[in-house]
Amino acid sequence: AGVDLSVMTPRRFTGPKSTISQALVGADRTLVWVRHVSYSRSAKLKLLTQELINALKQNRKPRPIKDPVVAASSFFVPVSQAGRYKVQVINVVTGKVIKTSLVRSTGVKVKVSAPQFVGDTSLRLIRIA
């Protein structure tokens, strides 16, 4: 039994520093995607272009552009109602759950913690009571 995404409400929220964070909020679960602002192809191309320009100006070889790292942090995620939630942090490359925790919300936001990640990550919040 899958989740019907068409009945979920899209929400933007403030996630970790230097990220774009979006959620789909449903009656019993919230699905979250968090992406570093410099992780898209166009952002990486801009960083690479700037490094190439700097290298030419300084008469040196260009340095490699590393994927951006988002520090471990806590932030508030929208939910549909107060209650207890199981939070799963998911590696978007492998699909594996890398961290699970339980949190409680007294309103329509809940504080979650995510470990350090490269590029982007996903969270699944499931209401358990």
C-alpha atoms as a PDB file:
ATOM      1  CA  ALA A   1       0.000   0.000   0.000  1.00  0.00           C
ATOM      2  CA  GLY A   2       1.673   3.169  -1.227  1.00  0.00           C
ATOM      3  CA  VAL A   3       1.147   6.753  -0.211  1.00  0.00           C
ATOM      4  CA  ASP A   4      -1.261   8.874  -2.295  1.00  0.00           C
ATOM      5  CA  LEU A   5       0.877  11.967  -2.914  1.00  0.00           C
ATOM      6  CA  SER A   6      -2.014  13.746  -4.665  1.00  0.00           C
ATOM      7  CA  VAL A   7      -3.820  14.297  -1.343  1.00  0.00           C
ATOM      8  CA  MET A   8      -0.761  15.688   0.426  1.00  0.00           C
ATOM      9  CA  THR A   9      -0.168  19.447   0.781  1.00  0.00           C
ATOM     10  CA  PRO A  10       3.146  20.914  -0.431  1.00  0.00           C
ATOM     11  CA  ARG A  11       4.875  23.208   2.086  1.00  0.00           C
ATOM     12  CA  ARG A  12       8.145  25.131   2.061  1.00  0.00           C
ATOM     13  CA  PHE A  13       9.907  25.640   5.367  1.00  0.00           C
ATOM     14  CA  THR A  14      13.225  26.846   6.730  1.00  0.00           C
ATOM     15  CA  GLY A  15      15.609  23.921   6.998  1.00  0.00           C
ATOM     16  CA  PRO A  16      19.325  23.795   7.734  1.00  0.00           C
ATOM     17  CA  LYS A  17      21.551  26.700   6.675  1.00  0.00           C
ATOM     18  CA  SER A  18      22.192  26.988   2.902  1.00  0.00           C
ATOM     19  CA  THR A  19      19.434  24.542   1.947  1.00  0.00           C
ATOM     20  CA  ILE A  20      16.147  24.525   0.099  1.00  0.00           C
ATOM     21  CA  SER A  21      13.608  22.518   2.099  1.00  0.00           C
ATOM     22  CA  GLN A  22      10.209  21.261   0.997  1.00  0.00           C
ATOM     23  CA  ALA A  23       7.618  18.939   2.469  1.00  0.00           C
ATOM     24  CA  LEU A  24       4.498  17.069   1.465  1.00  0.00           C
ATOM     25  CA  VAL A  25       2.167  16.982   4.473  1.00  0.00           C
ATOM     26  CA  GLY A  26      -0.544  14.347   4.760  1.00  0.00           C
ATOM     27  CA  ALA A  27      -2.942  13.264   7.501  1.00  0.00           C
ATOM     28  CA  ASP A  28      -0.545  10.749   9.083  1.00  0.00           C
ATOM     29  CA  ARG A  29       2.838  11.450   7.508  1.00  0.00           C
ATOM     30  CA  THR A  30       5.147  14.143   6.185  1.00  0.00           C
ATOM     31  CA  LEU A  31       7.706  13.568   3.445  1.00  0.00           C
ATOM     32  CA  VAL A  32      10.667  15.975   3.391  1.00  0.00           C
ATOM     33  CA  TRP A  33      13.393  16.786   0.872  1.00  0.00           C
ATOM     34  CA  VAL A  34      16.363  18.954   1.873  1.00  0.00           C
ATOM     35  CA  ARG A  35      18.918  20.064  -0.748  1.00  0.00           C
ATOM     36  CA  HIS A  36      22.031  22.226  -0.435  1.00  0.00           C
ATOM     37  CA  VAL A  37      21.633  25.329  -2.618  1.00  0.00           C
ATOM     38  CA  SER A  38      24.879  24.519  -4.484  1.00  0.00           C
ATOM     39  CA  TYR A  39      24.030  20.906  -5.267  1.00  0.00           C
ATOM     40  CA  SER A  40      22.065  21.299  -8.500  1.00  0.00           C
ATOM     41  CA  ARG A  41      23.831  20.930 -11.847  1.00  0.00           C
ATOM     42  CA  SER A  42      23.420  24.616 -12.651  1.00  0.00           C
ATOM     43  CA  ALA A  43      24.837  25.666  -9.262  1.00  0.00           C
ATOM     44  CA  LYS A  44      27.781  23.284  -9.626  1.00  0.00           C
ATOM     45  CA  LEU A  45      28.396  24.560 -13.157  1.00  0.00           C
ATOM     46  CA  LYS A  46      28.445  28.123 -11.826  1.00  0.00           C
ATOM     47  CA  LEU A  47      30.970  27.140  -9.111  1.00  0.00           C
ATOM     48  CA  LEU A  48      33.128  25.314 -11.654  1.00  0.00           C
ATOM     49  CA  THR A  49      33.044  28.266 -14.058  1.00  0.00           C
ATOM     50  CA  GLN A  50      34.071  30.651 -11.278  1.00  0.00           C
ATOM     51  CA  GLU A  51      36.948  28.362 -10.282  1.00  0.00           C
ATOM     52  CA  LEU A  52      38.136  28.143 -13.902  1.00  0.00           C
ATOM     53  CA  ILE A  53      38.075  31.945 -14.215  1.00  0.00           C
ATOM     54  CA  ASN A  54      40.017  32.327 -10.954  1.00  0.00           C
ATOM     55  CA  ALA A  55      42.555  29.712 -12.055  1.00  0.00           C
ATOM     56  CA  LEU A  56      43.122  31.499 -15.362  1.00  0.00           C
ATOM     57  CA  LYS A  57      43.512  34.868 -13.626  1.00  0.00           C
ATOM     58  CA  GLN A  58      46.004  33.389 -11.131  1.00  0.00           C
ATOM     59  CA  ASN A  59      47.846  31.263 -13.734  1.00  0.00           C
ATOM     60  CA  ARG A  60      47.271  27.995 -11.839  1.00  0.00           C
ATOM     61  CA  LYS A  61      45.507  24.700 -12.328  1.00  0.00           C
ATOM     62  CA  PRO A  62      41.824  24.694 -11.336  1.00  0.00           C
ATOM     63  CA  ARG A  63      40.984  23.098  -7.997  1.00  0.00           C
ATOM     64  CA  PRO A  64      38.382  20.338  -7.897  1.00  0.00           C
ATOM     65  CA  ILE A  65      34.862  21.360  -6.910  1.00  0.00           C
ATOM     66  CA  LYS A  66      33.614  19.147  -4.087  1.00  0.00           C
ATOM     67  CA  ASP A  67      29.978  18.373  -3.436  1.00  0.00           C
ATOM     68  CA  PRO A  68      28.608  20.639  -0.692  1.00  0.00           C
ATOM     69  CA  VAL A  69      28.267  19.300   2.850  1.00  0.00           C
ATOM     70  CA  VAL A  70      25.385  20.257   5.131  1.00  0.00           C
ATOM     71  CA  ALA A  71      26.323  20.200   8.816  1.00  0.00           C
ATOM     72  CA  ALA A  72      24.325  18.125  11.291  1.00  0.00           C
ATOM     73  CA  SER A  73      21.478  20.293  12.538  1.00  0.00           C
ATOM     74  CA  SER A  74      18.021  20.524  14.060  1.00  0.00           C
ATOM     75  CA  PHE A  75      15.097  22.296  12.398  1.00  0.00           C
ATOM     76  CA  PHE A  76      11.296  22.440  12.444  1.00  0.00           C
ATOM     77  CA  VAL A  77       9.227  20.437   9.951  1.00  0.00           C
ATOM     78  CA  PRO A  78       5.506  20.946   9.277  1.00  0.00           C
ATOM     79  CA  VAL A  79       3.079  18.168  10.280  1.00  0.00           C
ATOM     80  CA  SER A  80      -0.705  17.928  10.051  1.00  0.00           C
ATOM     81  CA  GLN A  81      -1.449  17.603  13.767  1.00  0.00           C
ATOM     82  CA  ALA A  82      -0.014  17.248  17.246  1.00  0.00           C
ATOM     83  CA  GLY A  83       1.212  13.825  18.306  1.00  0.00           C
ATOM     84  CA  ARG A  84       4.177  11.490  18.368  1.00  0.00           C
ATOM     85  CA  TYR A  85       6.115  10.871  15.176  1.00  0.00           C
ATOM     86  CA  LYS A  86       8.701   8.349  14.048  1.00  0.00           C
ATOM     87  CA  VAL A  87      11.334  10.278  12.066  1.00  0.00           C
ATOM     88  CA  GLN A  88      13.459   8.435   9.520  1.00  0.00           C
ATOM     89  CA  VAL A  89      16.393  10.154   7.799  1.00  0.00           C
ATOM     90  CA  ILE A  90      16.957   8.533   4.415  1.00  0.00           C
ATOM     91  CA  ASN A  91      20.062   8.406   2.213  1.00  0.00           C
ATOM     92  CA  VAL A  92      18.656   9.482  -1.162  1.00  0.00           C
ATOM     93  CA  VAL A  93      21.325   7.600  -3.127  1.00  0.00           C
ATOM     94  CA  THR A  94      20.826   4.192  -1.488  1.00  0.00           C
ATOM     95  CA  GLY A  95      17.268   4.588  -0.162  1.00  0.00           C
ATOM     96  CA  LYS A  96      18.416   3.239   3.214  1.00  0.00           C
ATOM     97  CA  VAL A  97      17.267   4.681   6.526  1.00  0.00           C
ATOM     98  CA  ILE A  98      20.388   6.095   8.218  1.00  0.00           C
ATOM     99  CA  LYS A  99      18.774   7.395  11.404  1.00  0.00           C
ATOM    100  CA  THR A 100      15.490   6.815  13.247  1.00  0.00           C
ATOM    101  CA  SER A 101      14.152   8.811  16.184  1.00  0.00           C
ATOM    102  CA  LEU A 102      10.895   9.539  17.991  1.00  0.00           C
ATOM    103  CA  VAL A 103       9.666  13.106  18.477  1.00  0.00           C
ATOM    104  CA  ARG A 104       6.563  14.756  19.898  1.00  0.00           C
ATOM    105  CA  SER A 105       4.680  17.717  18.477  1.00  0.00           C
ATOM    106  CA  THR A 106       2.215  19.886  20.371  1.00  0.00           C
ATOM    107  CA  GLY A 107       1.150  21.741  17.229  1.00  0.00           C
ATOM    108  CA  VAL A 108       1.679  21.724  13.470  1.00  0.00           C
ATOM    109  CA  LYS A 109       5.492  21.763  13.601  1.00  0.00           C
ATOM    110  CA  VAL A 110       7.952  19.273  15.046  1.00  0.00           C
ATOM    111  CA  LYS A 111      11.664  19.653  15.749  1.00  0.00           C
ATOM    112  CA  VAL A 112      13.822  17.051  14.007  1.00  0.00           C
ATOM    113  CA  SER A 113      17.567  16.398  13.864  1.00  0.00           C
ATOM    114  CA  ALA A 114      19.491  15.314  10.792  1.00  0.00           C
ATOM    115  CA  PRO A 115      23.081  14.102  10.647  1.00  0.00           C
ATOM    116  CA  GLN A 116      25.650  15.710   8.342  1.00  0.00           C
ATOM    117  CA  PHE A 117      24.968  14.919   4.693  1.00  0.00           C
ATOM    118  CA  VAL A 118      26.358  15.653   1.242  1.00  0.00           C
ATOM    119  CA  GLY A 119      24.105  17.327  -1.321  1.00  0.00           C
ATOM    120  CA  ASP A 120      20.632  16.324  -0.278  1.00  0.00           C
ATOM    121  CA  THR A 121      18.698  14.095   2.077  1.00  0.00           C
ATOM    122  CA  SER A 122      15.152  13.027   2.763  1.00  0.00           C
ATOM    123  CA  LEU A 123      13.085  12.546   5.917  1.00  0.00           C
ATOM    124  CA  ARG A 124       9.911  10.568   6.506  1.00  0.00           C
ATOM    125  CA  LEU A 125       7.759  11.416   9.521  1.00  0.00           C
ATOM    126  CA  ILE A 126       5.022   8.932  10.406  1.00  0.00           C
ATOM    127  CA  ARG A 127       2.424   9.756  13.084  1.00  0.00           C
ATOM    128  CA  ILE A 128       2.312   6.953  15.658  1.00  0.00           C
ATOM    129  CA  ALA A 129      -0.020   8.422  18.329  1.00  0.00           C
END
